[in-house]
Protein backbone atom coordinates (compact mmCIF):
# COMPACT_ATOMS: atom_id res chain seq x y z
CA MET A 1 95.93 75.88 96.88
CA ALA A 2 97.93 78.44 94.68
CA ALA A 3 100.79 76.41 94.55
CA GLN A 4 99.25 73.65 93.53
CA ILE A 5 97.79 75.50 90.27
CA VAL A 6 101.16 76.76 89.60
CA ALA A 7 102.86 73.02 90.28
CA LEU A 8 99.89 71.03 88.19
CA ALA A 9 100.71 73.63 85.09
CA THR A 10 104.84 73.95 84.44
CA GLY A 11 104.32 69.44 85.86
CA GLU A 12 106.47 70.38 89.60
CA ALA A 13 105.19 67.68 92.20
CA VAL A 14 104.02 69.28 95.04
CA PRO A 15 103.97 67.97 98.32
CA THR A 16 101.61 66.24 100.01
CA GLU A 17 100.63 65.76 104.02
CA GLU A 18 102.14 62.55 103.59
CA GLU A 19 105.23 63.13 102.00
CA LEU A 20 106.28 65.80 104.42
CA THR A 21 109.13 65.53 106.77
CA PRO A 22 108.26 66.10 110.91
CA GLU A 23 110.36 69.36 110.88
CA GLN A 24 107.78 70.51 107.96
CA LYS A 25 104.54 69.37 109.52
CA PHE A 26 105.58 70.93 113.24
CA ARG A 27 106.33 74.42 110.77
CA LYS A 28 103.19 73.96 109.06
CA GLU A 29 100.81 73.40 111.75
CA PHE A 30 102.98 76.00 114.21
CA ALA A 31 102.14 78.35 111.15
CA ARG A 32 98.72 77.28 111.54
CA SER A 33 98.67 78.20 115.04
CA GLY A 34 99.55 81.89 114.43
CA GLY A 35 97.40 82.48 111.46
CA LEU A 36 93.98 81.00 113.88
CA LYS A 37 94.84 83.34 116.77
CA GLY A 38 96.53 86.59 114.79
CA GLY A 39 92.60 88.36 113.41
CA LYS A 40 91.58 88.09 116.94
CA ALA A 41 93.81 89.91 118.23
CA ARG A 42 93.88 92.43 116.04
CA ALA A 43 89.73 92.56 116.05
CA ALA A 44 89.65 93.20 119.67
CA LYS A 45 92.66 95.92 119.26
CA LEU A 46 90.30 98.21 116.60
CA SER A 47 87.90 100.63 117.92
CA ALA A 48 83.98 100.30 116.93
CA ALA A 49 84.64 103.27 114.60
CA LYS A 50 88.04 102.05 113.25
CA ARG A 51 86.20 98.58 112.86
CA LYS A 52 83.27 100.35 111.24
CA SER A 53 85.60 102.43 108.70
CA ILE A 54 86.95 98.82 107.33
CA ALA A 55 83.44 97.46 106.58
CA LYS A 56 82.65 100.20 104.28
CA LYS A 57 85.51 99.86 102.25
CA ALA A 58 85.35 96.77 102.14
CA ALA A 59 81.76 96.55 100.90
CA ALA A 60 82.72 99.52 98.38
CA ALA A 61 85.25 97.47 97.23
CA ARG A 62 82.85 94.38 96.60
CA TRP A 63 80.40 96.35 94.49
CA LYS A 64 82.22 98.26 92.56
CA ASP A 65 82.45 96.26 89.44
CA LYS A 66 78.74 95.25 89.99
CA GLY A 67 77.52 98.83 88.78
CA HIS A 68 76.33 101.12 91.24
CA SER A 69 78.63 102.21 94.43
CA ALA A 70 77.73 101.66 98.15
CA ALA A 71 78.92 105.91 98.38
CA ALA A 72 77.23 107.52 95.94
CA LYS A 73 74.55 106.24 98.23
């Protein structure tokens, strides 16, 4: 989506799904299939403590600009 926004802003054309070559379509699907597997594989490897640590860090980042901190509690 970011590429589309930049292309619109600069006046460049972005190929639509119909304009992609068969090789480009294959590469796109291949990359997507790997991306769909990656998160699940990573989560399966993490320990409960590490997942909790990552979740706390993410929550603190989300609340950072909201005027109060999850770490302060």
